[in-house]
Protein backbone atom coordinates (compact mmCIF):
# COMPACT_ATOMS: atom_id res chain seq x y z
CA MET A 1 0.00 0.00 0.00
CA GLY A 2 1.02 3.64 -0.07
CA GLN A 3 1.66 5.87 -3.05
CA THR A 4 3.91 5.22 -6.04
CA LEU A 5 5.11 8.06 -8.29
CA HIS A 6 6.54 7.38 -11.75
CA VAL A 7 8.07 10.35 -13.60
CA THR A 8 7.39 10.41 -17.34
CA GLU A 9 8.84 13.84 -18.22
CA GLY A 10 10.72 16.71 -16.61
CA ILE A 11 12.42 16.90 -13.23
CA GLY A 12 10.66 16.59 -9.89
CA LEU A 13 11.31 16.57 -6.18
CA VAL A 14 9.87 14.41 -3.41
CA GLN A 15 10.48 14.63 0.33
CA SER A 16 9.14 12.76 3.33
CA ARG A 17 8.73 14.85 6.47
CA GLY A 18 12.17 15.18 8.05
CA GLY A 19 13.88 13.35 5.16
CA GLU A 20 16.17 14.39 2.36
CA VAL A 21 14.82 15.92 -0.86
CA VAL A 22 15.05 13.33 -3.65
CA VAL A 23 15.41 14.45 -7.28
CA MET A 24 13.24 12.46 -9.71
CA ARG A 25 13.91 12.22 -13.44
CA PRO A 26 12.08 10.51 -16.32
CA GLY A 27 11.90 6.76 -15.68
CA ASP A 28 12.35 7.10 -11.91
CA THR A 29 9.81 5.44 -9.64
CA VAL A 30 9.49 6.42 -5.98
CA HIS A 31 7.29 4.68 -3.41
CA THR A 32 6.05 6.24 -0.17
CA PRO A 33 4.61 3.85 2.42
CA PRO A 34 1.07 4.27 3.78
CA GLY A 35 0.79 6.89 6.47
CA GLU A 36 4.07 8.59 5.53
CA TRP A 37 3.60 12.36 5.05
CA HIS A 38 5.36 13.61 1.94
CA TRP A 39 5.20 16.24 -0.75
CA HIS A 40 6.12 16.09 -4.42
CA GLY A 41 6.21 18.49 -7.33
CA ALA A 42 8.27 19.94 -10.14
CA ALA A 43 11.79 21.13 -9.36
CA PRO A 44 12.37 24.91 -9.44
CA GLU A 45 12.52 26.21 -13.03
CA HIS A 46 11.33 22.81 -14.37
CA PHE A 47 8.13 20.96 -15.12
CA MET A 48 7.24 17.38 -14.23
CA THR A 49 4.71 14.93 -15.60
CA HIS A 50 4.10 11.82 -13.53
CA LEU A 51 1.80 8.93 -12.84
CA SER A 52 0.56 8.68 -9.27
CA LEU A 53 -0.69 5.29 -8.12
CA TRP A 54 -2.50 4.50 -4.87
CA GLU A 55 -3.13 1.01 -3.62
CA GLY A 56 -6.54 0.82 -1.95
CA PRO A 57 -6.07 -0.25 1.67
CA GLY A 58 -9.70 -1.11 2.40
CA ASP A 59 -13.17 0.26 2.97
CA ASP A 60 -12.59 2.44 6.04
CA VAL A 61 -9.09 3.76 5.31
CA PRO A 62 -8.49 6.67 2.89
CA GLU A 63 -6.08 5.98 0.01
CA THR A 64 -4.26 9.26 0.61
CA LEU A 65 -4.73 12.53 2.44
CA GLY A 66 -4.11 15.95 0.96
CA GLY A 67 -1.67 17.97 3.00
CA GLU A 68 -1.13 21.65 3.57
CA HIS A 69 0.82 23.77 1.09
CA VAL A 70 4.58 23.34 1.20
CA THR A 71 6.39 26.44 2.49
CA ASP A 72 9.26 28.14 0.68
CA GLU A 73 11.59 26.68 3.31
CA GLU A 74 10.31 23.16 2.58
CA TYR A 75 10.53 23.70 -1.20
CA PRO A 76 14.26 24.19 -1.71
CA GLY A 77 15.72 26.29 -4.49
CA THR A 78 18.04 23.42 -5.34
CA GLN A 79 19.74 23.47 -8.72
CA VAL A 80 19.21 20.17 -10.50
């Protein structure tokens, strides 16, 4: 279960709360386990197209939860 991201175009970033920022490029697949808070999006000055897959955990458990907006401090101006 959890969420799987597969980048098809562009350059993206993903980060679990308290973890390192991971750069994603076309062909990369990243999995986040269920219940792990994370954010993902295009890298600064880039675009990203991706597939996002959720594995349904069951009737009473949401597949994913939308989080709050990522702050400028959380969204690094990293050159990739």
